[in-house]
Amino acid sequence: MFDLAVQVGWRRFERAQGRAGWHPELLLWPLLDRLVARTVIDKLGGRLTVAVSGGAALTPEIARVFIGLGVPLYQGYGLTETSPVVCVNRPESNVPASIGQPMPGVEVKIGDNDELLTRSRCVMRGYWKDDAATRAIIDADGWLHSGDKASVDASGHYSIIGRIKDIIVLSNGEKVPPSEVESAILLDPLFEQVMLVGEGKPYLAALTVLNAEHWQTFAAELGVDPGQPDSLTDPRVLKALMRRMASHLKHFPGYAQIRRVHPELALWTVENGLLTPTLKIKRNLIFERYRAAIEALYADFARA
């Protein structure tokens, strides 16, 4: 019944946004609202009128669940340097997979390398006593270079694709924004943390940290003793992990599929230096920490 409530609620939302027509399922909404959706709203205080998501990408699956249950959820985007909001969705024009449209008085455009640029009175004057850093981020025309790769649709809704500096370029020239693939994999509770690698390589590989509790169940289902030191490198485990990730990447192109995986159980944390204080992964440091493991993921190809 929960899934049905989300499905009908989402259909109701899409119709309100003018992107879908009437459907007989909508007749079920009063009942589903009372039995399912209303209980969620009540758990959130019962008077929720606006919920804004920012700081990290809102996955479409999560947006669909909350909006389908009647939570008025809007994704936005901003930077400390822009005071901070640049774009946000509105009640009358909400595309949950996007960061919305520019705020009044804020200019936004797509620059070289699909970088999102913004200009307004909200943009900072510069970094304190650091002219070089200021010139690196704000050009002569006043455009702030966000460092984020973006796209824009016909209705003026912008979407963040990834970080310019994080884009992985494979040896065949294909470009992969790792955060999109990582987010899709992280919808699976088995995977606690994921980082893609593959710069200059023929295929993508993934460093993964598994959820300890789910790992126990996963290993047992494969007939593997999770307590054994070599359990994470058991061929049955590696093949099953690959299949599990592939099931979440069906809608990604072939070059964005994962061909090798290195699983771990030790979490990346702020304390061990592999996460920032805002819990973002430090890609360069993780790469250095796991350099030998990464090289092993491509060893077979190198020998060939």
Foldseek 3Di string as FASTA:
>chain_A
DLVLLLVLLLQVLCVLLVNDDDDPSVVCNVVCLVPPLQVVCVVVVVPQDEAEDEDDFDDPVNVSSCSSSPHRYKYAYFDVQQLTTAAIADSNGGDNQFRHAGDPQKDWDQDPPQWIKIAGPSGHPADPPCVPVRCVQAPPVGIGGPQFHWDADPVRTIHTQAGNVQWAQALVRDTHRFVVLQVLLVVDQQFPGKDWDHRHHHAIAIETAGDPVVVCVVCVVQVHHPVDPCRQVPPSNFVVSLVSSCVSCVVPDPRHRHDGYRYDHDDQDVVVPQADPVGHGPVVVVCVVCVVVVCVRCVVVVVD
